[in-house]
Amino acid sequence: MRTIKKFRDGLNNILGAVPKIYQLQPIGNILEEILERILPLLNSEDAFILVDNLAEVTSADKSIFRGIGMYNVDVQNFMNMLDPKLMEAIGTARTKPEIIILKDGVILPLINEMR
């Protein structure tokens, strides 16, 4: 029962943030708001959203990144934080696209259904 209440409250919290998403504000602020609303559902304090252009993966300035907790760094420092196993998991999630469950986290690919 406690789990159901936690998810209900978490989903209500996310829905409460929807009007803020449509206000004119930097994309980083919107991503941070989304992360802050999702984390209580996951019992975590650390998360990130990374959106990049697959055609130009080498260009960090084409990426949209926002992290909170231990990932509250710029995209270049974030890339330096990644170990090879996590980089491989991110690549797999992005190219397949599929959810990757790791020992200490989950990678959820954001899918552009318009492609």
C-alpha atoms as a PDB file:
ATOM      1  CA  MET A   1       0.000   0.000   0.000  1.00  0.00           C
ATOM      2  CA  ARG A   2       2.877   2.360   0.818  1.00  0.00           C
ATOM      3  CA  THR A   3       4.414   1.753  -2.630  1.00  0.00           C
ATOM      4  CA  ILE A   4       1.137   2.575  -4.382  1.00  0.00           C
ATOM      5  CA  LYS A   5       0.803   5.801  -2.373  1.00  0.00           C
ATOM      6  CA  LYS A   6       4.417   6.713  -3.165  1.00  0.00           C
ATOM      7  CA  PHE A   7       3.900   6.248  -6.915  1.00  0.00           C
ATOM      8  CA  ARG A   8       0.552   8.059  -6.837  1.00  0.00           C
ATOM      9  CA  ASP A   9       2.126  11.005  -5.034  1.00  0.00           C
ATOM     10  CA  GLY A  10       5.106  10.944  -7.390  1.00  0.00           C
ATOM     11  CA  LEU A  11       2.906  10.945 -10.486  1.00  0.00           C
ATOM     12  CA  ASN A  12       0.804  13.781  -9.049  1.00  0.00           C
ATOM     13  CA  ASN A  13       4.040  15.689  -8.443  1.00  0.00           C
ATOM     14  CA  ILE A  14       5.107  15.176 -12.073  1.00  0.00           C
ATOM     15  CA  LEU A  15       1.696  16.262 -13.363  1.00  0.00           C
ATOM     16  CA  GLY A  16       1.933  19.357 -11.168  1.00  0.00           C
ATOM     17  CA  ALA A  17       5.113  20.324 -13.023  1.00  0.00           C
ATOM     18  CA  VAL A  18       3.545  20.142 -16.498  1.00  0.00           C
ATOM     19  CA  PRO A  19       2.419  23.803 -16.581  1.00  0.00           C
ATOM     20  CA  LYS A  20       6.001  24.880 -15.787  1.00  0.00           C
ATOM     21  CA  ILE A  21       7.284  22.914 -18.771  1.00  0.00           C
ATOM     22  CA  TYR A  22       5.272  25.111 -21.144  1.00  0.00           C
ATOM     23  CA  GLN A  23       6.643  28.366 -19.728  1.00  0.00           C
ATOM     24  CA  LEU A  24       9.439  29.984 -21.687  1.00  0.00           C
ATOM     25  CA  GLN A  25      12.619  28.970 -19.886  1.00  0.00           C
ATOM     26  CA  PRO A  26      15.972  27.396 -20.762  1.00  0.00           C
ATOM     27  CA  ILE A  27      15.851  23.700 -21.668  1.00  0.00           C
ATOM     28  CA  GLY A  28      18.295  22.936 -18.839  1.00  0.00           C
ATOM     29  CA  ASN A  29      15.809  24.262 -16.284  1.00  0.00           C
ATOM     30  CA  ILE A  30      13.021  22.149 -17.768  1.00  0.00           C
ATOM     31  CA  LEU A  31      15.187  19.015 -17.691  1.00  0.00           C
ATOM     32  CA  GLU A  32      16.212  19.695 -14.100  1.00  0.00           C
ATOM     33  CA  GLU A  33      12.560  20.074 -13.106  1.00  0.00           C
ATOM     34  CA  ILE A  34      11.725  16.750 -14.759  1.00  0.00           C
ATOM     35  CA  LEU A  35      14.604  15.014 -12.969  1.00  0.00           C
ATOM     36  CA  GLU A  36      13.616  16.468  -9.601  1.00  0.00           C
ATOM     37  CA  ARG A  37      10.055  15.183 -10.032  1.00  0.00           C
ATOM     38  CA  ILE A  38      11.087  11.684 -11.131  1.00  0.00           C
ATOM     39  CA  LEU A  39      13.800  10.943  -8.551  1.00  0.00           C
ATOM     40  CA  PRO A  40      11.501  10.382  -5.551  1.00  0.00           C
ATOM     41  CA  LEU A  41       9.863   7.553  -7.503  1.00  0.00           C
ATOM     42  CA  LEU A  42      13.237   5.895  -7.982  1.00  0.00           C
ATOM     43  CA  ASN A  43      14.654   6.372  -4.470  1.00  0.00           C
ATOM     44  CA  SER A  44      17.684   8.095  -5.950  1.00  0.00           C
ATOM     45  CA  GLU A  45      19.492  11.400  -5.617  1.00  0.00           C
ATOM     46  CA  ASP A  46      21.615  11.150  -8.767  1.00  0.00           C
ATOM     47  CA  ALA A  47      20.352  11.250 -12.351  1.00  0.00           C
ATOM     48  CA  PHE A  48      20.992  12.785 -15.735  1.00  0.00           C
ATOM     49  CA  ILE A  49      19.318  13.397 -19.061  1.00  0.00           C
ATOM     50  CA  LEU A  50      21.565  13.408 -22.112  1.00  0.00           C
ATOM     51  CA  VAL A  51      20.192  14.164 -25.560  1.00  0.00           C
ATOM     52  CA  ASP A  52      22.592  14.121 -28.461  1.00  0.00           C
ATOM     53  CA  ASN A  53      22.500  14.053 -32.223  1.00  0.00           C
ATOM     54  CA  LEU A  54      23.495  10.562 -33.379  1.00  0.00           C
ATOM     55  CA  ALA A  55      24.768  11.956 -36.670  1.00  0.00           C
ATOM     56  CA  GLU A  56      27.253  14.178 -34.827  1.00  0.00           C
ATOM     57  CA  VAL A  57      28.197  12.230 -31.695  1.00  0.00           C
ATOM     58  CA  THR A  58      31.668  13.755 -31.556  1.00  0.00           C
ATOM     59  CA  SER A  59      30.387  17.276 -31.028  1.00  0.00           C
ATOM     60  CA  ALA A  60      29.646  17.925 -27.340  1.00  0.00           C
ATOM     61  CA  ASP A  61      28.195  21.351 -28.148  1.00  0.00           C
ATOM     62  CA  LYS A  62      25.346  19.629 -30.029  1.00  0.00           C
ATOM     63  CA  SER A  63      24.311  17.795 -26.840  1.00  0.00           C
ATOM     64  CA  ILE A  64      21.676  18.782 -24.340  1.00  0.00           C
ATOM     65  CA  PHE A  65      22.647  17.626 -20.866  1.00  0.00           C
ATOM     66  CA  ARG A  66      21.382  18.177 -17.357  1.00  0.00           C
ATOM     67  CA  GLY A  67      22.367  16.267 -14.256  1.00  0.00           C
ATOM     68  CA  ILE A  68      21.528  16.448 -10.589  1.00  0.00           C
ATOM     69  CA  GLY A  69      23.262  15.010  -7.564  1.00  0.00           C
ATOM     70  CA  MET A  70      26.671  13.601  -8.473  1.00  0.00           C
ATOM     71  CA  TYR A  71      25.932  14.366 -12.150  1.00  0.00           C
ATOM     72  CA  ASN A  72      25.455  18.114 -11.557  1.00  0.00           C
ATOM     73  CA  VAL A  73      28.404  18.986 -13.814  1.00  0.00           C
ATOM     74  CA  ASP A  74      28.842  20.315 -17.349  1.00  0.00           C
ATOM     75  CA  VAL A  75      28.620  17.866 -20.256  1.00  0.00           C
ATOM     76  CA  GLN A  76      32.398  17.682 -20.745  1.00  0.00           C
ATOM     77  CA  ASN A  77      33.032  16.740 -17.101  1.00  0.00           C
ATOM     78  CA  PHE A  78      30.126  14.298 -17.304  1.00  0.00           C
ATOM     79  CA  MET A  79      31.754  12.541 -20.261  1.00  0.00           C
ATOM     80  CA  ASN A  80      34.972  12.249 -18.231  1.00  0.00           C
ATOM     81  CA  MET A  81      33.010  10.639 -15.358  1.00  0.00           C
ATOM     82  CA  LEU A  82      31.744   7.772 -17.497  1.00  0.00           C
ATOM     83  CA  ASP A  83      33.481   4.435 -17.217  1.00  0.00           C
ATOM     84  CA  PRO A  84      33.657   2.186 -20.310  1.00  0.00           C
ATOM     85  CA  LYS A  85      30.897  -0.132 -19.033  1.00  0.00           C
ATOM     86  CA  LEU A  86      28.450   2.752 -18.540  1.00  0.00           C
ATOM     87  CA  MET A  87      29.391   4.277 -21.913  1.00  0.00           C
ATOM     88  CA  GLU A  88      28.698   0.942 -23.591  1.00  0.00           C
ATOM     89  CA  ALA A  89      25.341   0.626 -21.801  1.00  0.00           C
ATOM     90  CA  ILE A  90      24.337   4.155 -22.858  1.00  0.00           C
ATOM     91  CA  GLY A  91      25.302   3.349 -26.449  1.00  0.00           C
ATOM     92  CA  THR A  92      23.293   0.113 -26.385  1.00  0.00           C
ATOM     93  CA  ALA A  93      20.227   1.833 -24.924  1.00  0.00           C
ATOM     94  CA  ARG A  94      20.476   4.546 -27.545  1.00  0.00           C
ATOM     95  CA  THR A  95      21.002   2.393 -30.635  1.00  0.00           C
ATOM     96  CA  LYS A  96      18.692  -0.557 -29.927  1.00  0.00           C
ATOM     97  CA  PRO A  97      16.619   1.352 -28.280  1.00  0.00           C
ATOM     98  CA  GLU A  98      15.967  -0.604 -25.110  1.00  0.00           C
ATOM     99  CA  ILE A  99      15.952  -0.135 -21.351  1.00  0.00           C
ATOM    100  CA  ILE A 100      19.216  -1.195 -19.745  1.00  0.00           C
ATOM    101  CA  ILE A 101      19.153  -2.282 -16.099  1.00  0.00           C
ATOM    102  CA  LEU A 102      22.499  -2.034 -14.321  1.00  0.00           C
ATOM    103  CA  LYS A 103      23.538  -3.023 -10.809  1.00  0.00           C
ATOM    104  CA  ASP A 104      23.464   0.596  -9.674  1.00  0.00           C
ATOM    105  CA  GLY A 105      21.055   2.259 -12.093  1.00  0.00           C
ATOM    106  CA  VAL A 106      18.723   2.182 -15.059  1.00  0.00           C
ATOM    107  CA  ILE A 107      19.178   3.709 -18.501  1.00  0.00           C
ATOM    108  CA  LEU A 108      15.951   4.722 -20.220  1.00  0.00           C
ATOM    109  CA  PRO A 109      16.349   5.783 -23.848  1.00  0.00           C
ATOM    110  CA  LEU A 110      14.261   8.736 -24.983  1.00  0.00           C
ATOM    111  CA  ILE A 111      12.792   7.818 -28.334  1.00  0.00           C
ATOM    112  CA  ASN A 112      11.867  10.265 -31.076  1.00  0.00           C
ATOM    113  CA  GLU A 113       8.750   8.708 -32.566  1.00  0.00           C
ATOM    114  CA  MET A 114       8.764  11.272 -35.385  1.00  0.00           C
ATOM    115  CA  ARG A 115      11.815   9.656 -37.050  1.00  0.00           C
END
